[in-house]
Amino acid sequence: MIIDCSLPTQISPELPLNLIKQRKLLTSQLPYIDLIFTLIGETVPLDHGYELFSAIAHFEPELHKLDTVGIHTIAGIPKEGVIQLTKNSRLRIRLPVEQVRLVYPLAGKPLRIGKHTIRLGIPEIYLLEPAEKLGSRIVIIQGYQEPESFLAAAQRQLEQLGIQAKAFITKNADGSPKRRSIKIKRFTVVGFGLEIINLSNEDSLTLLRHGIGGKRKMGCGVFLPVKRKGNAS
């Protein structure tokens, strides 16, 4: 599907109030998309969410001010503190279609992520597709670092979004909750892997757009359909 990114979203103060409201409503209903870049490179740090966002924001500082953007961490093969990139490794950025202009120019740019450098290829645009079951590698909810209270907080956030579904913390092989963390400058922030099941199409799209918790630009609280068999991450 071809997406027209030229739709005007600037609101003139001279417009009548009812027209301003209509324009705001139109803007809020513009679809979210995934902009997916191919990658050239060998490795990125195992914990790279913060450094990846910093590298991207170096080219587009306006991203610091937006709360509509989600940046997935890069999947590959974990090995000795790094992620070994594969031919299927991608950079996936989720954002409203009218903001594509901010990140599309990353095509061809090198990103310095810690001591590692990758180069971005030409991106493809994909509309979000609903799924009955969505998962996030790590969700961070400030103030909730224990499984029981975290899960209750996640369920409340679903309800606040109007989503009628069930949240589960993902499990390790030994059955323990899958606790994960990310490093942000000198601080370590703790969260959990999370899956949401029994989603309607509408609720699934709402969750894909808004996510749960914080640090979405650093790979937290952004969701993807859960596949039957686990892939490298």
Protein backbone atom coordinates (compact mmCIF):
# COMPACT_ATOMS: atom_id res chain seq x y z
CA MET A 1 0.00 0.00 0.00
CA ILE A 2 1.33 3.44 -0.94
CA ILE A 3 1.10 5.92 1.92
CA ASP A 4 0.81 9.63 1.18
CA CYS A 5 3.07 11.39 3.69
CA SER A 6 2.24 14.85 2.32
CA LEU A 7 -0.99 15.29 4.29
CA PRO A 8 -0.78 18.71 6.00
CA THR A 9 -0.77 18.60 9.77
CA GLN A 10 0.11 22.20 10.64
CA ILE A 11 -2.79 24.11 12.20
CA SER A 12 -3.07 27.79 11.36
CA PRO A 13 -4.29 30.06 14.18
CA GLU A 14 -6.55 31.79 11.66
CA LEU A 15 -8.63 28.67 11.04
CA PRO A 16 -12.16 28.57 12.50
CA LEU A 17 -12.41 26.63 15.75
CA ASN A 18 -14.54 23.85 14.26
CA LEU A 19 -12.04 23.38 11.42
CA ILE A 20 -9.15 23.27 13.89
CA LYS A 21 -10.96 20.51 15.81
CA GLN A 22 -11.54 18.56 12.60
CA ARG A 23 -7.87 18.90 11.63
CA LYS A 24 -6.73 17.73 15.08
CA LEU A 25 -9.09 14.75 14.86
CA LEU A 26 -7.78 13.85 11.41
CA THR A 27 -4.19 14.05 12.62
CA SER A 28 -4.92 11.84 15.62
CA GLN A 29 -6.44 9.20 13.35
CA LEU A 30 -3.54 9.00 10.92
CA PRO A 31 -2.20 5.45 10.88
CA TYR A 32 0.91 4.33 12.68
CA ILE A 33 3.46 2.46 10.62
CA ASP A 34 6.65 0.49 11.08
CA LEU A 35 9.58 1.92 9.17
CA ILE A 36 12.01 -0.99 8.78
CA PHE A 37 15.65 -0.47 7.77
CA THR A 38 18.01 -3.13 6.51
CA LEU A 39 21.39 -3.12 8.26
CA ILE A 40 25.00 -3.36 7.22
CA GLY A 41 27.34 -4.31 10.04
CA GLU A 42 28.47 -7.14 12.26
CA THR A 43 27.54 -6.52 15.90
CA VAL A 44 25.77 -4.20 18.33
CA PRO A 45 25.99 -4.26 22.14
CA LEU A 46 23.73 -6.76 23.87
CA ASP A 47 22.14 -3.90 25.85
CA HIS A 48 21.86 -1.21 23.18
CA GLY A 49 18.46 0.46 23.59
CA TYR A 50 19.73 3.73 25.06
CA GLU A 51 22.76 4.02 22.78
CA LEU A 52 20.67 3.19 19.70
CA PHE A 53 18.21 5.97 20.47
CA SER A 54 21.06 8.39 21.18
CA ALA A 55 22.64 7.59 17.81
CA ILE A 56 19.34 8.13 15.98
CA ALA A 57 18.53 11.34 17.87
CA HIS A 58 21.96 12.68 16.90
CA PHE A 59 20.62 12.98 13.34
CA GLU A 60 17.12 14.13 14.36
CA PRO A 61 17.07 15.91 17.77
CA GLU A 62 13.32 16.54 17.47
CA LEU A 63 12.78 12.89 18.45
CA HIS A 64 13.68 13.83 22.04
CA LYS A 65 10.44 15.82 22.28
CA LEU A 66 8.09 13.21 20.82
CA ASP A 67 6.18 10.62 22.85
CA THR A 68 4.69 8.95 19.77
CA VAL A 69 7.81 7.06 18.65
CA GLY A 70 8.80 3.51 19.54
CA ILE A 71 12.20 2.09 18.55
CA HIS A 72 12.62 -1.67 18.71
CA THR A 73 15.94 -3.11 19.74
CA ILE A 74 17.81 -4.97 17.02
CA ALA A 75 17.46 -8.75 16.95
CA GLY A 76 20.25 -11.15 16.14
CA ILE A 77 22.29 -13.87 17.85
CA PRO A 78 23.42 -13.13 21.44
CA LYS A 79 27.12 -13.90 21.86
CA GLU A 80 29.57 -12.80 24.57
CA GLY A 81 28.00 -9.44 25.39
CA VAL A 82 27.04 -8.51 21.83
CA ILE A 83 24.29 -9.18 19.31
CA GLN A 84 25.69 -10.79 16.17
CA LEU A 85 23.71 -9.38 13.26
CA THR A 86 22.21 -11.74 10.70
CA LYS A 87 20.76 -11.22 7.24
CA ASN A 88 17.36 -10.86 8.92
CA SER A 89 18.42 -8.21 11.47
CA ARG A 90 16.51 -4.97 11.06
CA LEU A 91 15.99 -1.60 12.71
CA ARG A 92 12.25 -1.12 13.27
CA ILE A 93 10.90 2.33 14.15
CA ARG A 94 7.19 2.72 14.93
CA LEU A 95 5.60 6.13 14.54
CA PRO A 96 2.64 8.01 13.05
CA VAL A 97 2.81 8.24 9.28
CA GLU A 98 3.09 12.05 9.32
CA GLN A 99 6.36 11.75 11.26
CA VAL A 100 8.06 9.46 8.74
CA ARG A 101 9.81 12.56 7.36
CA LEU A 102 11.84 12.75 10.58
CA VAL A 103 13.48 9.33 10.32
CA TYR A 104 13.38 8.38 6.62
CA PRO A 105 16.54 10.48 5.99
CA LEU A 106 18.44 8.02 8.21
CA ALA A 107 18.74 5.82 5.10
CA GLY A 108 22.40 5.38 4.24
CA LYS A 109 23.60 6.90 7.52
CA PRO A 110 26.11 5.22 9.86
CA LEU A 111 25.06 4.78 13.48
CA ARG A 112 27.72 4.58 16.17
CA ILE A 113 26.32 2.38 18.97
CA GLY A 114 28.86 2.19 21.75
CA LYS A 115 32.01 0.80 20.13
CA HIS A 116 30.05 -0.67 17.23
CA THR A 117 29.08 0.92 13.92
CA ILE A 118 26.25 -0.11 11.61
CA ARG A 119 24.92 1.50 8.44
CA LEU A 120 21.23 1.76 7.60
CA GLY A 121 19.82 0.71 4.24
CA ILE A 122 16.73 1.96 2.45
CA PRO A 123 13.67 1.48 4.68
CA GLU A 124 10.34 -0.10 3.83
CA ILE A 125 7.01 1.06 5.25
CA TYR A 126 4.56 -1.42 6.75
CA LEU A 127 1.12 -0.75 8.16
CA LEU A 128 0.51 -2.31 11.57
CA GLU A 129 -1.40 -5.58 11.50
CA PRO A 130 -3.44 -6.79 14.48
CA ALA A 131 -2.79 -10.10 16.23
CA GLU A 132 -4.61 -11.93 19.02
CA LYS A 133 -1.37 -12.22 21.00
CA LEU A 134 1.32 -9.55 21.31
CA GLY A 135 4.57 -9.56 23.23
CA SER A 136 7.24 -7.11 24.32
CA ARG A 137 10.79 -8.15 25.16
CA ILE A 138 10.88 -5.74 28.10
CA VAL A 139 8.29 -3.45 29.68
CA ILE A 140 9.31 -0.90 32.28
CA ILE A 141 6.76 0.67 34.64
CA GLN A 142 8.31 3.13 37.05
CA GLY A 143 7.97 2.09 40.66
CA TYR A 144 7.10 -1.54 39.91
CA GLN A 145 10.05 -3.95 40.00
CA GLU A 146 8.42 -7.00 41.59
CA PRO A 147 6.42 -9.44 39.43
CA GLU A 148 3.06 -9.24 41.24
CA SER A 149 2.86 -5.45 41.52
CA PHE A 150 4.29 -5.00 38.01
CA LEU A 151 1.67 -7.29 36.48
CA ALA A 152 -1.14 -5.47 38.28
CA ALA A 153 0.21 -2.13 37.04
CA ALA A 154 0.44 -3.45 33.46
CA GLN A 155 -3.14 -4.67 33.63
CA ARG A 156 -4.26 -1.23 34.84
CA GLN A 157 -2.49 0.43 31.93
CA LEU A 158 -4.32 -1.86 29.51
CA GLU A 159 -7.63 -0.87 31.09
CA GLN A 160 -6.72 2.81 30.86
CA LEU A 161 -6.24 2.33 27.11
CA GLY A 162 -9.67 0.70 26.92
CA ILE A 163 -8.12 -2.68 26.11
CA GLN A 164 -9.94 -5.80 27.29
CA ALA A 165 -7.21 -8.45 27.38
CA LYS A 166 -5.04 -10.44 29.75
CA ALA A 167 -1.38 -9.70 30.58
CA PHE A 168 1.21 -12.34 31.50
CA ILE A 169 4.86 -12.00 32.45
CA THR A 170 6.94 -14.23 30.20
CA LYS A 171 8.88 -17.07 31.86
CA ASN A 172 12.41 -18.36 31.82
CA ALA A 173 13.09 -22.03 31.12
CA ASP A 174 12.94 -22.75 34.85
CA GLY A 175 9.51 -21.11 35.17
CA SER A 176 10.72 -17.95 36.90
CA PRO A 177 9.54 -14.50 35.70
CA LYS A 178 11.68 -13.17 32.86
CA ARG A 179 13.25 -10.13 34.53
CA ARG A 180 15.23 -7.90 32.18
CA SER A 181 17.09 -4.62 32.52
CA ILE A 182 18.49 -1.80 30.42
CA LYS A 183 21.30 0.59 31.21
CA ILE A 184 20.61 4.30 30.76
CA LYS A 185 23.78 6.29 31.28
CA ARG A 186 24.91 5.29 34.80
CA PHE A 187 21.60 3.79 35.85
CA THR A 188 20.12 0.32 35.44
CA VAL A 189 16.34 0.10 35.02
CA VAL A 190 14.49 -3.16 35.65
CA GLY A 191 11.45 -4.53 33.83
CA PHE A 192 9.88 -7.77 32.65
CA GLY A 193 9.01 -9.52 29.41
CA LEU A 194 5.26 -9.26 28.84
CA GLU A 195 2.64 -10.96 26.67
CA ILE A 196 -0.93 -9.82 26.09
CA ILE A 197 -3.52 -12.37 24.93
CA ASN A 198 -7.17 -12.43 23.81
CA LEU A 199 -6.86 -9.16 21.91
CA SER A 200 -9.54 -8.00 19.50
CA ASN A 201 -8.30 -6.43 16.27
CA GLU A 202 -9.13 -2.95 17.54
CA ASP A 203 -7.46 -3.49 20.91
CA SER A 204 -4.43 -5.05 19.25
CA LEU A 205 -3.90 -1.98 17.07
CA THR A 206 -4.34 0.29 20.09
CA LEU A 207 -1.63 -1.60 21.96
CA LEU A 208 0.69 -1.57 18.95
CA ARG A 209 0.28 2.20 18.69
CA HIS A 210 0.57 3.18 22.34
CA GLY A 211 2.51 0.39 24.05
CA ILE A 212 2.77 0.05 27.83
CA GLY A 213 5.13 1.67 30.31
CA GLY A 214 8.04 4.00 29.57
CA LYS A 215 11.28 4.20 27.58
CA ARG A 216 9.59 3.24 24.30
CA LYS A 217 12.28 5.01 22.31
CA MET A 218 14.81 2.70 23.97
CA GLY A 219 13.07 -0.54 23.01
CA CYS A 220 10.81 -0.93 26.05
CA GLY A 221 7.04 -1.42 25.97
CA VAL A 222 6.80 -1.79 22.19
CA PHE A 223 4.94 -4.88 21.01
CA LEU A 224 5.04 -7.37 18.16
CA PRO A 225 2.92 -10.42 17.32
CA VAL A 226 4.10 -13.47 19.27
CA LYS A 227 5.41 -16.17 16.97
CA ARG A 228 4.91 -19.85 17.70
CA LYS A 229 8.64 -20.57 17.84
CA GLY A 230 11.17 -18.24 19.45
CA ASN A 231 13.68 -16.49 17.23
CA ALA A 232 17.03 -15.05 18.19
CA SER A 233 16.74 -11.78 20.08
